[in-house]
N, C-alpha and C. Protein backbone atom coordinates (compact mmCIF):
# COMPACT_ATOMS: atom_id res chain seq x y z
N MET A 1 3.84 20.66 38.24
CA MET A 1 3.03 20.10 37.27
C MET A 1 3.34 20.01 35.92
N LEU A 2 3.04 18.65 35.32
CA LEU A 2 3.38 18.18 34.01
C LEU A 2 2.66 18.79 33.00
N CYS A 3 3.14 19.52 32.14
CA CYS A 3 2.51 20.42 30.98
C CYS A 3 1.07 21.01 31.53
N PRO A 4 1.10 21.58 32.39
CA PRO A 4 -0.36 22.32 32.76
C PRO A 4 -0.89 23.29 31.37
N GLY A 5 -1.93 22.60 30.95
CA GLY A 5 -2.57 23.29 29.67
C GLY A 5 -1.91 23.04 28.41
N GLY A 6 -1.03 22.24 28.40
CA GLY A 6 -0.07 21.78 27.29
C GLY A 6 -0.75 20.74 26.41
N GLY A 7 -1.95 20.31 26.64
CA GLY A 7 -2.69 19.60 25.57
C GLY A 7 -1.76 17.99 25.83
N PHE A 8 -1.23 17.88 26.91
CA PHE A 8 -0.59 16.40 26.75
C PHE A 8 -1.17 15.62 27.63
N ASP A 9 -1.76 14.46 27.02
CA ASP A 9 -2.27 13.40 28.21
C ASP A 9 -1.03 12.23 28.46
N LEU A 10 -0.91 11.93 29.76
CA LEU A 10 -0.18 10.74 30.01
C LEU A 10 -1.10 9.56 30.68
N GLU A 11 -0.83 8.33 29.83
CA GLU A 11 -1.79 7.31 30.38
C GLU A 11 -0.52 6.56 31.24
N VAL A 12 -1.08 5.68 32.58
CA VAL A 12 0.03 5.01 33.15
C VAL A 12 -0.84 3.63 33.66
N THR A 13 -0.15 2.91 33.40
CA THR A 13 -0.73 1.52 33.98
C THR A 13 -1.14 1.24 35.58
N GLN A 14 -1.94 0.47 35.98
CA GLN A 14 -2.19 0.31 37.40
C GLN A 14 -0.85 0.25 37.88
N GLU A 15 -0.05 -0.64 37.42
CA GLU A 15 1.28 -1.05 38.46
C GLU A 15 1.79 0.20 38.67
N VAL A 16 2.03 1.54 37.63
CA VAL A 16 2.74 2.26 38.07
C VAL A 16 1.91 3.34 38.67
N VAL A 17 0.53 3.38 39.04
CA VAL A 17 -0.28 3.57 40.09
C VAL A 17 0.07 3.31 41.49
N GLU A 18 -0.14 2.07 41.42
CA GLU A 18 0.36 1.20 42.76
C GLU A 18 1.78 1.64 43.26
N PHE A 19 2.70 1.79 42.31
CA PHE A 19 4.00 1.74 42.57
C PHE A 19 4.09 3.21 43.39
N LEU A 20 3.55 4.37 42.71
CA LEU A 20 3.29 5.59 43.06
C LEU A 20 2.97 5.97 44.48
N LEU A 21 1.75 4.92 44.79
CA LEU A 21 1.25 5.22 45.77
C LEU A 21 1.94 4.69 47.24
N ARG A 22 2.27 3.50 46.79
CA ARG A 22 3.22 2.66 47.54
C ARG A 22 4.24 3.41 47.90
N GLU A 23 5.06 4.11 47.02
CA GLU A 23 6.48 4.85 47.44
C GLU A 23 6.08 6.26 47.96
N GLY A 24 4.94 6.85 47.73
CA GLY A 24 4.56 8.08 48.10
C GLY A 24 3.59 8.22 49.37
N PHE A 25 3.51 7.08 49.83
CA PHE A 25 2.68 7.02 51.36
C PHE A 25 3.48 6.84 52.16
N ASP A 26 3.59 7.64 53.35
CA ASP A 26 4.07 7.60 54.75
C ASP A 26 3.09 7.58 56.09
N PRO A 27 3.52 6.61 56.79
CA PRO A 27 2.19 6.10 57.85
C PRO A 27 2.22 7.61 58.90
N TYR A 28 3.09 8.43 58.76
CA TYR A 28 3.02 9.47 59.62
C TYR A 28 2.48 10.63 59.05
N LEU A 29 3.27 10.72 57.70
CA LEU A 29 2.88 12.40 56.84
C LEU A 29 1.45 11.90 55.84
N GLY A 30 1.13 10.75 55.83
CA GLY A 30 0.14 10.02 54.85
C GLY A 30 0.42 10.31 53.49
N ALA A 31 -0.27 10.92 52.71
CA ALA A 31 0.02 10.88 51.28
C ALA A 31 0.78 12.36 50.62
N ARG A 32 0.96 13.16 51.65
CA ARG A 32 1.78 14.25 51.31
C ARG A 32 3.28 14.29 50.55
N PRO A 33 3.98 13.17 51.03
CA PRO A 33 5.09 12.88 50.10
C PRO A 33 4.58 12.25 48.71
N LEU A 34 3.32 12.30 48.45
CA LEU A 34 3.22 11.77 47.10
C LEU A 34 3.56 12.44 45.86
N CYS A 35 3.24 13.89 46.14
CA CYS A 35 3.75 15.07 45.14
C CYS A 35 5.21 14.74 44.49
N ARG A 36 6.02 14.74 45.75
CA ARG A 36 7.47 14.62 45.19
C ARG A 36 7.83 13.26 44.77
N THR A 37 6.88 12.22 45.09
CA THR A 37 7.34 10.90 44.74
C THR A 37 7.11 10.88 43.06
N VAL A 38 6.02 11.39 42.90
CA VAL A 38 5.48 11.60 41.12
C VAL A 38 6.53 12.34 40.35
N GLU A 39 7.18 13.72 41.39
CA GLU A 39 8.12 14.32 40.69
C GLU A 39 9.30 13.63 40.15
N SER A 40 9.95 12.92 41.26
CA SER A 40 11.15 12.15 41.13
C SER A 40 11.14 10.96 40.33
N HIS A 41 9.64 10.19 40.24
CA HIS A 41 9.86 8.91 39.53
C HIS A 41 9.08 8.81 38.11
N LEU A 42 8.35 9.93 38.12
CA LEU A 42 7.46 9.90 36.92
C LEU A 42 7.71 11.22 36.10
N GLN A 43 7.21 12.39 36.80
CA GLN A 43 7.56 13.66 35.79
C GLN A 43 8.83 13.72 35.61
N ASP A 44 10.06 13.73 36.48
CA ASP A 44 11.18 13.61 35.77
C ASP A 44 11.80 12.97 34.50
N ALA A 45 11.35 11.64 34.76
CA ALA A 45 11.52 10.64 33.66
C ALA A 45 10.91 10.80 32.44
N VAL A 46 9.62 11.49 32.23
CA VAL A 46 8.69 12.18 31.23
C VAL A 46 9.23 13.36 30.36
N VAL A 47 9.73 14.24 31.18
CA VAL A 47 10.21 15.36 30.86
C VAL A 47 11.54 15.02 30.19
N ARG A 48 12.65 14.21 30.64
CA ARG A 48 13.79 13.60 30.10
C ARG A 48 13.42 12.91 28.71
N ASP A 49 12.65 12.12 28.58
CA ASP A 49 11.91 11.51 27.45
C ASP A 49 11.77 12.66 26.52
N LEU A 50 10.89 13.51 26.82
CA LEU A 50 10.25 14.38 25.77
C LEU A 50 11.54 15.48 25.47
N PHE A 51 12.14 15.69 26.05
CA PHE A 51 13.65 16.54 25.65
C PHE A 51 14.46 15.57 24.52
N ALA A 52 14.64 14.43 24.80
CA ALA A 52 15.59 13.45 24.18
C ALA A 52 14.70 13.19 22.95
N THR A 53 13.51 13.03 22.91
CA THR A 53 12.87 12.56 21.84
C THR A 53 12.06 13.46 20.86
N GLY A 54 11.52 14.31 21.49
CA GLY A 54 10.98 15.42 20.87
C GLY A 54 9.48 15.05 20.74
N VAL A 55 8.75 13.95 21.29
CA VAL A 55 7.87 13.12 21.39
C VAL A 55 6.69 14.53 22.26
N GLY A 56 5.59 14.61 21.79
CA GLY A 56 4.78 15.36 22.45
C GLY A 56 4.41 16.82 22.00
N ARG A 57 5.06 17.10 21.15
CA ARG A 57 5.18 18.61 20.78
C ARG A 57 3.94 19.03 20.22
N ASP A 58 3.12 18.01 19.56
CA ASP A 58 2.22 18.22 18.73
C ASP A 58 0.96 17.64 19.72
N GLY A 59 0.83 17.78 20.94
CA GLY A 59 0.15 16.88 21.75
C GLY A 59 -0.14 15.79 21.83
N SER A 60 0.83 14.94 21.24
CA SER A 60 0.53 13.62 21.24
C SER A 60 0.38 12.69 22.62
N THR A 61 -0.09 11.53 22.79
CA THR A 61 -0.30 10.79 23.87
C THR A 61 0.91 10.10 24.37
N GLY A 62 1.41 10.31 25.62
CA GLY A 62 2.49 9.32 26.33
C GLY A 62 1.87 8.02 26.95
N SER A 63 2.56 7.00 26.88
CA SER A 63 2.00 5.88 28.02
C SER A 63 3.10 5.60 28.98
N GLY A 64 2.79 5.54 30.01
CA GLY A 64 3.69 5.00 31.23
C GLY A 64 3.52 3.37 31.35
N ARG A 65 4.64 2.97 31.43
CA ARG A 65 4.75 1.09 31.85
C ARG A 65 5.52 1.17 32.98
């Protein structure tokens, strides 16, 4: 889970939502792979950026594009 209780909000575009749904859906498994897709494409990138820039330490809002 991304920053549980950490006071960090992440806003993503509709494009990001559609990409995650498209990549995270499997006809056989349904949406079960979605969690791994979010982790690999979104959470990992956000965490890398937070460590690299220090942004978000004060509860600031991030933006996904």
